[in-house]
Amino acid sequence: MPRILVIDDQADVRAMIAILLRVQRFEVIEASNAAEALAAFEASPCDLAIVDIFLDGRSGVDVILAMRARVPRFPIVAISGITALDFLPGSADLADVVGLQKPFRPNQLQQAIDAALGSVMHTMAAAG
């Protein structure tokens, strides 16, 4: 069963995402802040992370960069309630991060997950 780490400081958003993922047969690990997220990431292998860009106390981009420093090309879906998804810096480390604007529908979340996982597989095949 694929494991997804869901990082969002809003409990209701985190719970909604977790429910959608569990219905799709994903195992879900939840974190409400950057420290919890990075501890969970280190403690238990995950297949993908869903990261809110605007977390209390620390940027989601910082969390993404910390994960990618440990596991390059780790699949990530970045979520945000801001209208434009151009908040991700243009660095090569973030080029394959999939952005998803809140609020989103369940099928949009699944498409973003598929895109993030597919992007990583494509990058690995091209490098191999």
Protein backbone atom coordinates (compact mmCIF):
# COMPACT_ATOMS: atom_id res chain seq x y z
CA MET A 1 0.00 0.00 0.00
CA PRO A 2 1.56 3.35 -1.03
CA ARG A 3 2.30 5.75 1.83
CA ILE A 4 1.62 9.47 1.55
CA LEU A 5 2.77 12.12 3.98
CA VAL A 6 0.19 14.94 4.23
CA ILE A 7 1.54 18.22 5.62
CA ASP A 8 -0.92 21.03 6.32
CA ASP A 9 -1.32 23.28 9.36
CA GLN A 10 -5.11 23.37 8.95
CA ALA A 11 -6.54 20.29 10.66
CA ASP A 12 -9.73 20.28 8.59
CA VAL A 13 -7.84 20.40 5.29
CA ARG A 14 -5.44 17.70 6.45
CA ALA A 15 -8.36 15.49 7.56
CA MET A 16 -10.20 15.96 4.26
CA ILE A 17 -7.12 15.00 2.25
CA ALA A 18 -6.47 11.99 4.50
CA ILE A 19 -10.03 10.75 4.03
CA LEU A 20 -9.79 11.08 0.24
CA LEU A 21 -6.51 9.19 0.22
CA ARG A 22 -7.68 6.41 2.53
CA VAL A 23 -10.72 5.83 0.29
CA GLN A 24 -8.22 5.36 -2.56
CA ARG A 25 -6.34 2.78 -0.43
CA PHE A 26 -3.33 4.92 0.45
CA GLU A 27 -1.70 4.71 3.85
CA VAL A 28 -1.59 8.24 5.28
CA ILE A 29 0.82 9.90 7.67
CA GLU A 30 -0.25 13.35 8.85
CA ALA A 31 1.86 16.29 10.02
CA SER A 32 0.66 19.72 11.11
CA ASN A 33 3.96 21.60 10.85
CA ALA A 34 7.43 21.45 9.36
CA ALA A 35 9.09 19.84 12.38
CA GLU A 36 6.50 17.02 12.53
CA ALA A 37 6.73 16.57 8.77
CA LEU A 38 10.50 16.24 8.67
CA ALA A 39 10.52 13.91 11.69
CA ALA A 40 7.88 11.68 10.04
CA PHE A 41 9.79 11.77 6.75
CA GLU A 42 12.98 10.62 8.48
CA ALA A 43 11.24 7.98 10.62
CA SER A 44 9.25 6.18 7.96
CA PRO A 45 9.66 5.79 4.20
CA CYS A 46 6.95 7.42 2.10
CA ASP A 47 6.11 7.23 -1.58
CA LEU A 48 4.95 10.85 -1.93
CA ALA A 49 4.29 14.00 0.11
CA ILE A 50 1.50 16.55 -0.16
CA VAL A 51 2.88 19.80 1.22
CA ASP A 52 1.01 23.01 2.00
CA ILE A 53 3.25 25.88 0.87
CA PHE A 54 2.17 28.25 3.64
CA LEU A 55 2.76 26.53 6.99
CA ASP A 56 2.83 28.22 10.38
CA GLY A 57 6.39 29.16 11.23
CA ARG A 58 8.16 27.75 8.18
CA SER A 59 7.67 27.72 4.44
CA GLY A 60 6.52 24.55 2.75
CA VAL A 61 9.22 25.23 0.16
CA ASP A 62 11.80 24.82 2.95
CA VAL A 63 10.22 21.46 3.83
CA ILE A 64 10.29 20.38 0.19
CA LEU A 65 13.95 21.36 -0.17
CA ALA A 66 14.84 19.47 3.04
CA MET A 67 13.08 16.34 1.74
CA ARG A 68 14.74 16.65 -1.64
CA ALA A 69 18.16 17.09 0.01
CA ARG A 70 17.63 13.71 1.68
CA VAL A 71 15.85 11.97 -1.24
CA PRO A 72 16.45 13.70 -4.60
CA ARG A 73 13.47 13.60 -6.97
CA PHE A 74 11.11 12.60 -4.14
CA PRO A 75 7.54 12.97 -5.53
CA ILE A 76 5.76 16.01 -4.14
CA VAL A 77 2.42 17.71 -4.65
CA ALA A 78 2.51 21.31 -3.39
CA ILE A 79 -0.86 22.75 -2.37
CA SER A 80 -1.82 26.35 -1.78
CA GLY A 81 -4.89 28.54 -1.49
CA ILE A 82 -3.21 31.38 -3.38
CA THR A 83 -4.55 32.00 -6.86
CA ALA A 84 -1.33 31.62 -8.84
CA LEU A 85 0.86 28.56 -8.47
CA ASP A 86 4.02 30.45 -9.45
CA PHE A 87 5.15 30.58 -5.81
CA LEU A 88 7.66 27.78 -6.35
CA PRO A 89 11.14 29.12 -7.08
CA GLY A 90 12.47 28.24 -10.51
CA SER A 91 15.24 25.97 -9.26
CA ALA A 92 15.93 22.61 -10.88
CA ASP A 93 15.24 20.92 -7.51
CA LEU A 94 11.61 22.03 -7.73
CA ALA A 95 10.98 21.67 -11.46
CA ASP A 96 8.96 18.46 -11.11
CA VAL A 97 6.93 19.48 -8.05
CA VAL A 98 3.25 19.34 -9.01
CA GLY A 99 1.21 22.35 -7.90
CA LEU A 100 -2.45 22.10 -6.89
CA GLN A 101 -4.61 25.06 -5.92
CA LYS A 102 -7.04 24.82 -2.98
CA PRO A 103 -9.89 24.13 -2.98
CA PHE A 104 -9.59 21.09 -5.22
CA ARG A 105 -11.80 18.17 -6.13
CA PRO A 106 -10.91 14.55 -5.33
CA ASN A 107 -10.17 13.76 -8.98
CA GLN A 108 -7.82 16.76 -9.19
CA LEU A 109 -5.90 15.47 -6.17
CA GLN A 110 -5.61 12.02 -7.77
CA GLN A 111 -4.41 13.57 -11.05
CA ALA A 112 -1.77 15.58 -9.18
CA ILE A 113 -0.57 12.46 -7.34
CA ASP A 114 -0.40 10.53 -10.62
CA ALA A 115 1.50 13.40 -12.25
CA ALA A 116 4.01 13.63 -9.39
CA LEU A 117 4.64 9.89 -9.39
CA GLY A 118 4.79 9.80 -13.20
CA SER A 119 7.18 12.74 -13.36
CA VAL A 120 9.62 10.99 -11.06
CA MET A 121 9.42 7.73 -13.04
CA HIS A 122 9.98 9.65 -16.29
CA THR A 123 13.01 11.49 -14.82
CA MET A 124 14.49 8.22 -13.53
CA ALA A 125 14.00 6.50 -16.90
CA ALA A 126 15.64 9.40 -18.74
CA ALA A 127 18.60 9.34 -16.34
CA GLY A 128 18.93 5.54 -16.49
